[in-house]
């Protein structure tokens, strides 16, 4: 099954010990070896394998992804490969 699509790492920085809330800072992004961001789209497997007997019948709304969340980050354009 396609992965959730969480392609970023966030760090929470409390402001004034948490009294004034916190700063939610994106500190890293995940990419495939070819340079494609997995943010919001996830990883689509080469060979699809359902999880259990009923997984194929579960509607997408019951299998949320990062793209389903409010204010999710969008995927970036592919990065040039480093060789």
PDB file of N, CA and C in Angstrom:
ATOM      1  N   UNK A   1       0.845  -1.181   0.000  1.00  0.00           N
ATOM      2  CA  UNK A   1       0.000   0.000   0.000  1.00  0.00           C
ATOM      3  C   UNK A   1       0.885   1.237   0.000  1.00  0.00           C
ATOM      4  N   UNK A   2       0.390   2.303  -0.534  1.00  0.00           N
ATOM      5  CA  UNK A   2       1.133   3.560  -0.561  1.00  0.00           C
ATOM      6  C   UNK A   2       1.370   4.057   0.859  1.00  0.00           C
ATOM      7  N   UNK A   3       2.559   4.577   1.116  1.00  0.00           N
ATOM      8  CA  UNK A   3       2.871   5.074   2.464  1.00  0.00           C
ATOM      9  C   UNK A   3       2.092   6.357   2.764  1.00  0.00           C
ATOM     10  N   UNK A   4       2.114   6.770   4.003  1.00  0.00           N
ATOM     11  CA  UNK A   4       1.338   7.912   4.484  1.00  0.00           C
ATOM     12  C   UNK A   4       1.690   9.212   3.779  1.00  0.00           C
ATOM     13  N   UNK A   5       2.940   9.422   3.464  1.00  0.00           N
ATOM     14  CA  UNK A   5       3.335  10.648   2.763  1.00  0.00           C
ATOM     15  C   UNK A   5       3.915  11.717   3.660  1.00  0.00           C
ATOM     16  N   UNK A   6       4.313  11.343   4.859  1.00  0.00           N
ATOM     17  CA  UNK A   6       4.958  12.305   5.748  1.00  0.00           C
ATOM     18  C   UNK A   6       6.399  12.441   5.309  1.00  0.00           C
ATOM     19  N   UNK A   7       6.708  13.512   4.601  1.00  0.00           N
ATOM     20  CA  UNK A   7       8.033  13.686   4.036  1.00  0.00           C
ATOM     21  C   UNK A   7       8.814  14.814   4.657  1.00  0.00           C
ATOM     22  N   UNK A   8       8.497  15.152   5.918  1.00  0.00           N
ATOM     23  CA  UNK A   8       9.213  16.245   6.559  1.00  0.00           C
ATOM     24  C   UNK A   8       9.402  15.956   8.043  1.00  0.00           C
ATOM     25  N   UNK A   9      10.368  16.655   8.612  1.00  0.00           N
ATOM     26  CA  UNK A   9      10.657  16.548  10.044  1.00  0.00           C
ATOM     27  C   UNK A   9      10.436  17.924  10.643  1.00  0.00           C
ATOM     28  N   UNK A  10       9.648  17.997  11.694  1.00  0.00           N
ATOM     29  CA  UNK A  10       9.413  19.280  12.360  1.00  0.00           C
ATOM     30  C   UNK A  10      10.047  19.280  13.745  1.00  0.00           C
ATOM     31  N   UNK A  11      10.503  20.447  14.138  1.00  0.00           N
ATOM     32  CA  UNK A  11      11.027  20.671  15.479  1.00  0.00           C
ATOM     33  C   UNK A  11      10.130  21.703  16.150  1.00  0.00           C
ATOM     34  N   UNK A  12       9.712  21.419  17.374  1.00  0.00           N
ATOM     35  CA  UNK A  12       8.882  22.348  18.139  1.00  0.00           C
ATOM     36  C   UNK A  12       9.803  23.134  19.076  1.00  0.00           C
ATOM     37  N   UNK A  13       9.770  24.448  18.969  1.00  0.00           N
ATOM     38  CA  UNK A  13      10.611  25.316  19.802  1.00  0.00           C
ATOM     39  C   UNK A  13       9.691  26.140  20.702  1.00  0.00           C
ATOM     40  N   UNK A  14       9.667  25.830  22.008  1.00  0.00           N
ATOM     41  CA  UNK A  14       8.815  26.602  22.917  1.00  0.00           C
ATOM     42  C   UNK A  14       9.276  28.057  22.984  1.00  0.00           C
ATOM     43  N   UNK A  15       8.327  28.975  23.055  1.00  0.00           N
ATOM     44  CA  UNK A  15       8.638  30.388  23.186  1.00  0.00           C
ATOM     45  C   UNK A  15       8.419  30.808  24.637  1.00  0.00           C
ATOM     46  N   UNK A  16       9.447  31.375  25.231  1.00  0.00           N
ATOM     47  CA  UNK A  16       9.427  31.768  26.659  1.00  0.00           C
ATOM     48  C   UNK A  16       8.940  30.619  27.536  1.00  0.00           C
ATOM     49  N   UNK A  17       9.586  29.460  27.369  1.00  0.00           N
ATOM     50  CA  UNK A  17       9.252  28.312  28.197  1.00  0.00           C
ATOM     51  C   UNK A  17       7.864  27.757  27.926  1.00  0.00           C
ATOM     52  N   UNK A  18       7.286  28.073  26.793  1.00  0.00           N
ATOM     53  CA  UNK A  18       5.953  27.598  26.453  1.00  0.00           C
ATOM     54  C   UNK A  18       4.848  28.558  26.836  1.00  0.00           C
ATOM     55  N   UNK A  19       5.192  29.632  27.563  1.00  0.00           N
ATOM     56  CA  UNK A  19       4.184  30.605  27.990  1.00  0.00           C
ATOM     57  C   UNK A  19       3.545  31.327  26.800  1.00  0.00           C
ATOM     58  N   UNK A  20       4.331  31.541  25.740  1.00  0.00           N
ATOM     59  CA  UNK A  20       3.837  32.249  24.557  1.00  0.00           C
ATOM     60  C   UNK A  20       3.603  31.300  23.385  1.00  0.00           C
ATOM     61  N   UNK A  21       3.370  30.028  23.672  1.00  0.00           N
ATOM     62  CA  UNK A  21       3.157  29.057  22.604  1.00  0.00           C
ATOM     63  C   UNK A  21       4.469  28.469  22.134  1.00  0.00           C
ATOM     64  N   UNK A  22       4.514  28.082  20.873  1.00  0.00           N
ATOM     65  CA  UNK A  22       5.713  27.448  20.330  1.00  0.00           C
ATOM     66  C   UNK A  22       5.816  27.721  18.843  1.00  0.00           C
ATOM     67  N   UNK A  23       7.008  27.546  18.334  1.00  0.00           N
ATOM     68  CA  UNK A  23       7.286  27.672  16.913  1.00  0.00           C
ATOM     69  C   UNK A  23       7.421  26.268  16.345  1.00  0.00           C
ATOM     70  N   UNK A  24       6.666  25.974  15.301  1.00  0.00           N
ATOM     71  CA  UNK A  24       6.693  24.669  14.637  1.00  0.00           C
ATOM     72  C   UNK A  24       7.531  24.845  13.378  1.00  0.00           C
ATOM     73  N   UNK A  25       8.778  24.370  13.387  1.00  0.00           N
ATOM     74  CA  UNK A  25       9.746  24.635  12.332  1.00  0.00           C
ATOM     75  C   UNK A  25      10.066  23.366  11.551  1.00  0.00           C
ATOM     76  N   UNK A  26       9.910  23.410  10.230  1.00  0.00           N
ATOM     77  CA  UNK A  26      10.306  22.274   9.402  1.00  0.00           C
ATOM     78  C   UNK A  26      11.815  22.314   9.258  1.00  0.00           C
ATOM     79  N   UNK A  27      12.474  21.234   9.707  1.00  0.00           N
ATOM     80  CA  UNK A  27      13.935  21.213   9.741  1.00  0.00           C
ATOM     81  C   UNK A  27      14.548  20.256   8.727  1.00  0.00           C
ATOM     82  N   UNK A  28      13.749  19.384   8.107  1.00  0.00           N
ATOM     83  CA  UNK A  28      14.285  18.442   7.120  1.00  0.00           C
ATOM     84  C   UNK A  28      13.160  17.946   6.225  1.00  0.00           C
ATOM     85  N   UNK A  29      13.524  17.462   5.050  1.00  0.00           N
ATOM     86  CA  UNK A  29      12.583  16.848   4.112  1.00  0.00           C
ATOM     87  C   UNK A  29      13.138  15.481   3.710  1.00  0.00           C
ATOM     88  N   UNK A  30      12.244  14.553   3.399  1.00  0.00           N
ATOM     89  CA  UNK A  30      12.644  13.223   2.932  1.00  0.00           C
ATOM     90  C   UNK A  30      12.516  13.146   1.418  1.00  0.00           C
ATOM     91  N   UNK A  31      13.518  12.544   0.782  1.00  0.00           N
ATOM     92  CA  UNK A  31      13.537  12.371  -0.660  1.00  0.00           C
ATOM     93  C   UNK A  31      13.889  10.924  -0.990  1.00  0.00           C
ATOM     94  N   UNK A  32      13.430  10.460  -2.150  1.00  0.00           N
ATOM     95  CA  UNK A  32      13.840   9.142  -2.625  1.00  0.00           C
ATOM     96  C   UNK A  32      15.260   9.263  -3.157  1.00  0.00           C
ATOM     97  N   UNK A  33      15.939   8.138  -3.391  1.00  0.00           N
ATOM     98  CA  UNK A  33      17.296   8.224  -3.957  1.00  0.00           C
ATOM     99  C   UNK A  33      17.350   8.970  -5.288  1.00  0.00           C
ATOM    100  N   UNK A  34      16.245   8.988  -6.029  1.00  0.00           N
ATOM    101  CA  UNK A  34      16.242   9.703  -7.310  1.00  0.00           C
ATOM    102  C   UNK A  34      15.984  11.200  -7.136  1.00  0.00           C
ATOM    103  N   UNK A  35      15.750  11.642  -5.898  1.00  0.00           N
ATOM    104  CA  UNK A  35      15.550  13.058  -5.633  1.00  0.00           C
ATOM    105  C   UNK A  35      14.100  13.507  -5.566  1.00  0.00           C
ATOM    106  N   UNK A  36      13.137  12.568  -5.641  1.00  0.00           N
ATOM    107  CA  UNK A  36      11.716  12.928  -5.577  1.00  0.00           C
ATOM    108  C   UNK A  36      11.273  13.080  -4.125  1.00  0.00           C
ATOM    109  N   UNK A  37      10.584  14.177  -3.830  1.00  0.00           N
ATOM    110  CA  UNK A  37      10.036  14.391  -2.491  1.00  0.00           C
ATOM    111  C   UNK A  37       8.869  13.432  -2.275  1.00  0.00           C
ATOM    112  N   UNK A  38       8.768  12.856  -1.079  1.00  0.00           N
ATOM    113  CA  UNK A  38       7.634  11.976  -0.787  1.00  0.00           C
ATOM    114  C   UNK A  38       6.530  12.737  -0.066  1.00  0.00           C
ATOM    115  N   UNK A  39       6.713  14.041   0.150  1.00  0.00           N
ATOM    116  CA  UNK A  39       5.746  14.857   0.880  1.00  0.00           C
ATOM    117  C   UNK A  39       4.373  14.811   0.224  1.00  0.00           C
ATOM    118  N   UNK A  40       3.358  14.449   0.995  1.00  0.00           N
ATOM    119  CA  UNK A  40       1.949  14.413   0.620  1.00  0.00           C
ATOM    120  C   UNK A  40       1.595  13.312  -0.377  1.00  0.00           C
ATOM    121  N   UNK A  41       2.576  12.768  -1.111  1.00  0.00           N
ATOM    122  CA  UNK A  41       2.251  11.723  -2.077  1.00  0.00           C
ATOM    123  C   UNK A  41       2.667  10.345  -1.607  1.00  0.00           C
ATOM    124  N   UNK A  42       3.637  10.263  -0.706  1.00  0.00           N
ATOM    125  CA  UNK A  42       4.088   8.976  -0.186  1.00  0.00           C
ATOM    126  C   UNK A  42       4.911   8.195  -1.191  1.00  0.00           C
ATOM    127  N   UNK A  43       5.136   6.946  -0.855  1.00  0.00           N
ATOM    128  CA  UNK A  43       5.877   6.034  -1.710  1.00  0.00           C
ATOM    129  C   UNK A  43       4.884   5.019  -2.244  1.00  0.00           C
ATOM    130  N   UNK A  44       4.800   4.919  -3.546  1.00  0.00           N
ATOM    131  CA  UNK A  44       3.939   3.919  -4.174  1.00  0.00           C
ATOM    132  C   UNK A  44       4.795   2.685  -4.393  1.00  0.00           C
ATOM    133  N   UNK A  45       4.374   1.533  -3.854  1.00  0.00           N
ATOM    134  CA  UNK A  45       5.201   0.329  -3.968  1.00  0.00           C
ATOM    135  C   UNK A  45       5.267  -0.202  -5.399  1.00  0.00           C
ATOM    136  N   UNK A  46       6.375  -0.858  -5.727  1.00  0.00           N
ATOM    137  CA  UNK A  46       6.498  -1.519  -7.028  1.00  0.00           C
ATOM    138  C   UNK A  46       5.532  -2.697  -7.112  1.00  0.00           C
ATOM    139  N   UNK A  47       5.358  -3.386  -5.977  1.00  0.00           N
ATOM    140  CA  UNK A  47       4.437  -4.518  -5.893  1.00  0.00           C
ATOM    141  C   UNK A  47       3.465  -4.211  -4.763  1.00  0.00           C
ATOM    142  N   UNK A  48       2.186  -4.064  -5.089  1.00  0.00           N
ATOM    143  CA  UNK A  48       1.180  -3.741  -4.078  1.00  0.00           C
ATOM    144  C   UNK A  48       0.810  -4.981  -3.284  1.00  0.00           C
ATOM    145  N   UNK A  49       0.865  -4.867  -1.953  1.00  0.00           N
ATOM    146  CA  UNK A  49       0.478  -5.946  -1.059  1.00  0.00           C
ATOM    147  C   UNK A  49      -0.468  -5.359  -0.028  1.00  0.00           C
ATOM    148  N   UNK A  50      -1.707  -5.843  -0.001  1.00  0.00           N
ATOM    149  CA  UNK A  50      -2.703  -5.345   0.950  1.00  0.00           C
ATOM    150  C   UNK A  50      -2.366  -5.828   2.347  1.00  0.00           C
ATOM    151  N   UNK A  51      -2.766  -5.068   3.346  1.00  0.00           N
ATOM    152  CA  UNK A  51      -2.553  -5.419   4.739  1.00  0.00           C
ATOM    153  C   UNK A  51      -3.797  -6.136   5.252  1.00  0.00           C
ATOM    154  N   UNK A  52      -3.790  -7.432   5.268  1.00  0.00           N
ATOM    155  CA  UNK A  52      -4.938  -8.196   5.745  1.00  0.00           C
ATOM    156  C   UNK A  52      -5.938  -8.453   4.632  1.00  0.00           C
ATOM    157  N   UNK A  53      -6.944  -9.240   4.927  1.00  0.00           N
ATOM    158  CA  UNK A  53      -7.927  -9.643   3.930  1.00  0.00           C
ATOM    159  C   UNK A  53      -8.841  -8.517   3.488  1.00  0.00           C
ATOM    160  N   UNK A  54      -9.115  -7.551   4.374  1.00  0.00           N
ATOM    161  CA  UNK A  54     -10.122  -6.543   4.079  1.00  0.00           C
ATOM    162  C   UNK A  54      -9.535  -5.203   3.629  1.00  0.00           C
ATOM    163  N   UNK A  55      -8.230  -5.060   3.626  1.00  0.00           N
ATOM    164  CA  UNK A  55      -7.613  -3.756   3.348  1.00  0.00           C
ATOM    165  C   UNK A  55      -7.993  -3.204   1.977  1.00  0.00           C
ATOM    166  N   UNK A  56      -8.144  -4.039   0.984  1.00  0.00           N
ATOM    167  CA  UNK A  56      -8.473  -3.558  -0.357  1.00  0.00           C
ATOM    168  C   UNK A  56      -9.870  -2.950  -0.413  1.00  0.00           C
ATOM    169  N   UNK A  57     -10.749  -3.346   0.509  1.00  0.00           N
ATOM    170  CA  UNK A  57     -12.120  -2.844   0.524  1.00  0.00           C
ATOM    171  C   UNK A  57     -12.294  -1.594   1.377  1.00  0.00           C
ATOM    172  N   UNK A  58     -11.246  -1.142   2.058  1.00  0.00           N
ATOM    173  CA  UNK A  58     -11.347   0.016   2.938  1.00  0.00           C
ATOM    174  C   UNK A  58     -11.288   1.279   2.099  1.00  0.00           C
ATOM    175  N   UNK A  59     -12.289   2.158   2.185  1.00  0.00           N
ATOM    176  CA  UNK A  59     -12.255   3.398   1.414  1.00  0.00           C
ATOM    177  C   UNK A  59     -11.067   4.278   1.817  1.00  0.00           C
ATOM    178  N   UNK A  60     -10.587   5.118   0.905  1.00  0.00           N
ATOM    179  CA  UNK A  60      -9.424   5.963   1.166  1.00  0.00           C
ATOM    180  C   UNK A  60      -9.609   6.836   2.399  1.00  0.00           C
ATOM    181  N   UNK A  61     -10.807   7.312   2.662  1.00  0.00           N
ATOM    182  CA  UNK A  61     -11.017   8.196   3.811  1.00  0.00           C
ATOM    183  C   UNK A  61     -10.628   7.516   5.124  1.00  0.00           C
ATOM    184  N   UNK A  62     -10.683   6.195   5.155  1.00  0.00           N
ATOM    185  CA  UNK A  62     -10.290   5.455   6.354  1.00  0.00           C
ATOM    186  C   UNK A  62      -8.799   5.147   6.362  1.00  0.00           C
ATOM    187  N   UNK A  63      -8.115   5.420   5.249  1.00  0.00           N
ATOM    188  CA  UNK A  63      -6.666   5.271   5.169  1.00  0.00           C
ATOM    189  C   UNK A  63      -6.093   6.643   4.838  1.00  0.00           C
ATOM    190  N   UNK A  64      -6.069   7.561   5.812  1.00  0.00           N
ATOM    191  CA  UNK A  64      -5.639   8.937   5.510  1.00  0.00           C
ATOM    192  C   UNK A  64      -4.175   9.002   5.098  1.00  0.00           C
ATOM    193  N   UNK A  65      -3.839  10.078   4.433  1.00  0.00           N
ATOM    194  CA  UNK A  65      -2.452  10.343   4.074  1.00  0.00           C
ATOM    195  C   UNK A  65      -2.121  11.766   4.517  1.00  0.00           C
ATOM    196  N   UNK A  66      -0.881  12.127   4.400  1.00  0.00           N
ATOM    197  CA  UNK A  66      -0.431  13.471   4.761  1.00  0.00           C
ATOM    198  C   UNK A  66      -1.223  14.528   3.990  1.00  0.00           C
ATOM    199  N   UNK A  67      -1.536  14.258   2.731  1.00  0.00           N
ATOM    200  CA  UNK A  67      -2.260  15.219   1.896  1.00  0.00           C
ATOM    201  C   UNK A  67      -3.679  15.482   2.403  1.00  0.00           C
ATOM    202  N   UNK A  68      -4.222  14.586   3.223  1.00  0.00           N
ATOM    203  CA  UNK A  68      -5.572  14.761   3.763  1.00  0.00           C
ATOM    204  C   UNK A  68      -5.609  15.715   4.959  1.00  0.00           C
ATOM    205  N   UNK A  69      -4.459  16.030   5.530  1.00  0.00           N
ATOM    206  CA  UNK A  69      -4.405  16.865   6.721  1.00  0.00           C
ATOM    207  C   UNK A  69      -4.455  18.348   6.357  1.00  0.00           C
ATOM    208  N   UNK A  70      -5.100  19.169   7.210  1.00  0.00           N
ATOM    209  CA  UNK A  70      -5.110  20.602   6.913  1.00  0.00           C
ATOM    210  C   UNK A  70      -3.698  21.196   7.021  1.00  0.00           C
ATOM    211  N   UNK A  71      -3.400  22.132   6.179  1.00  0.00           N
ATOM    212  CA  UNK A  71      -2.123  22.867   6.181  1.00  0.00           C
ATOM    213  C   UNK A  71      -0.909  21.976   5.905  1.00  0.00           C
ATOM    214  N   UNK A  72      -1.091  20.864   5.186  1.00  0.00           N
ATOM    215  CA  UNK A  72       0.063  20.013   4.897  1.00  0.00           C
ATOM    216  C   UNK A  72       1.011  20.729   3.939  1.00  0.00           C
ATOM    217  N   UNK A  73       2.276  20.368   3.992  1.00  0.00           N
ATOM    218  CA  UNK A  73       3.268  20.922   3.081  1.00  0.00           C
ATOM    219  C   UNK A  73       3.066  20.298   1.715  1.00  0.00           C
ATOM    220  N   UNK A  74       3.365  21.027   0.674  1.00  0.00           N
ATOM    221  CA  UNK A  74       3.269  20.476  -0.675  1.00  0.00           C
ATOM    222  C   UNK A  74       4.611  19.896  -1.079  1.00  0.00           C
ATOM    223  N   UNK A  75       4.585  18.973  -2.016  1.00  0.00           N
ATOM    224  CA  UNK A  75       5.812  18.360  -2.501  1.00  0.00           C
ATOM    225  C   UNK A  75       6.589  19.369  -3.345  1.00  0.00           C
ATOM    226  N   UNK A  76       7.890  19.250  -3.296  1.00  0.00           N
ATOM    227  CA  UNK A  76       8.745  20.119  -4.093  1.00  0.00           C
ATOM    228  C   UNK A  76       9.066  19.446  -5.424  1.00  0.00           C
ATOM    229  N   UNK A  77       9.602  20.219  -6.348  1.00  0.00           N
ATOM    230  CA  UNK A  77      10.053  19.655  -7.617  1.00  0.00           C
ATOM    231  C   UNK A  77      11.242  18.735  -7.353  1.00  0.00           C
ATOM    232  N   UNK A  78      11.449  17.719  -8.189  1.00  0.00           N
ATOM    233  CA  UNK A  78      12.600  16.819  -8.008  1.00  0.00           C
ATOM    234  C   UNK A  78      13.905  17.589  -7.975  1.00  0.00           C
ATOM    235  N   UNK A  79      14.796  17.143  -7.092  1.00  0.00           N
ATOM    236  CA  UNK A  79      16.122  17.749  -7.007  1.00  0.00           C
ATOM    237  C   UNK A  79      17.052  17.047  -7.996  1.00  0.00           C
ATOM    238  N   UNK A  80      17.996  17.767  -8.562  1.00  0.00           N
ATOM    239  CA  UNK A  80      18.946  17.112  -9.452  1.00  0.00           C
ATOM    240  C   UNK A  80      19.758  16.081  -8.676  1.00  0.00           C
ATOM    241  N   UNK A  81      20.015  14.934  -9.292  1.00  0.00           N
ATOM    242  CA  UNK A  81      20.780  13.889  -8.609  1.00  0.00           C
ATOM    243  C   UNK A  81      22.239  14.314  -8.520  1.00  0.00           C
ATOM    244  N   UNK A  82      22.870  13.906  -7.416  1.00  0.00           N
ATOM    245  CA  UNK A  82      24.289  14.207  -7.201  1.00  0.00           C
ATOM    246  C   UNK A  82      25.106  12.998  -7.611  1.00  0.00           C
ATOM    247  N   UNK A  83      26.039  13.205  -8.503  1.00  0.00           N
ATOM    248  CA  UNK A  83      26.891  12.084  -8.925  1.00  0.00           C
ATOM    249  C   UNK A  83      28.326  12.488  -8.877  1.00  0.00           C
TER     250      UNK A  83
END
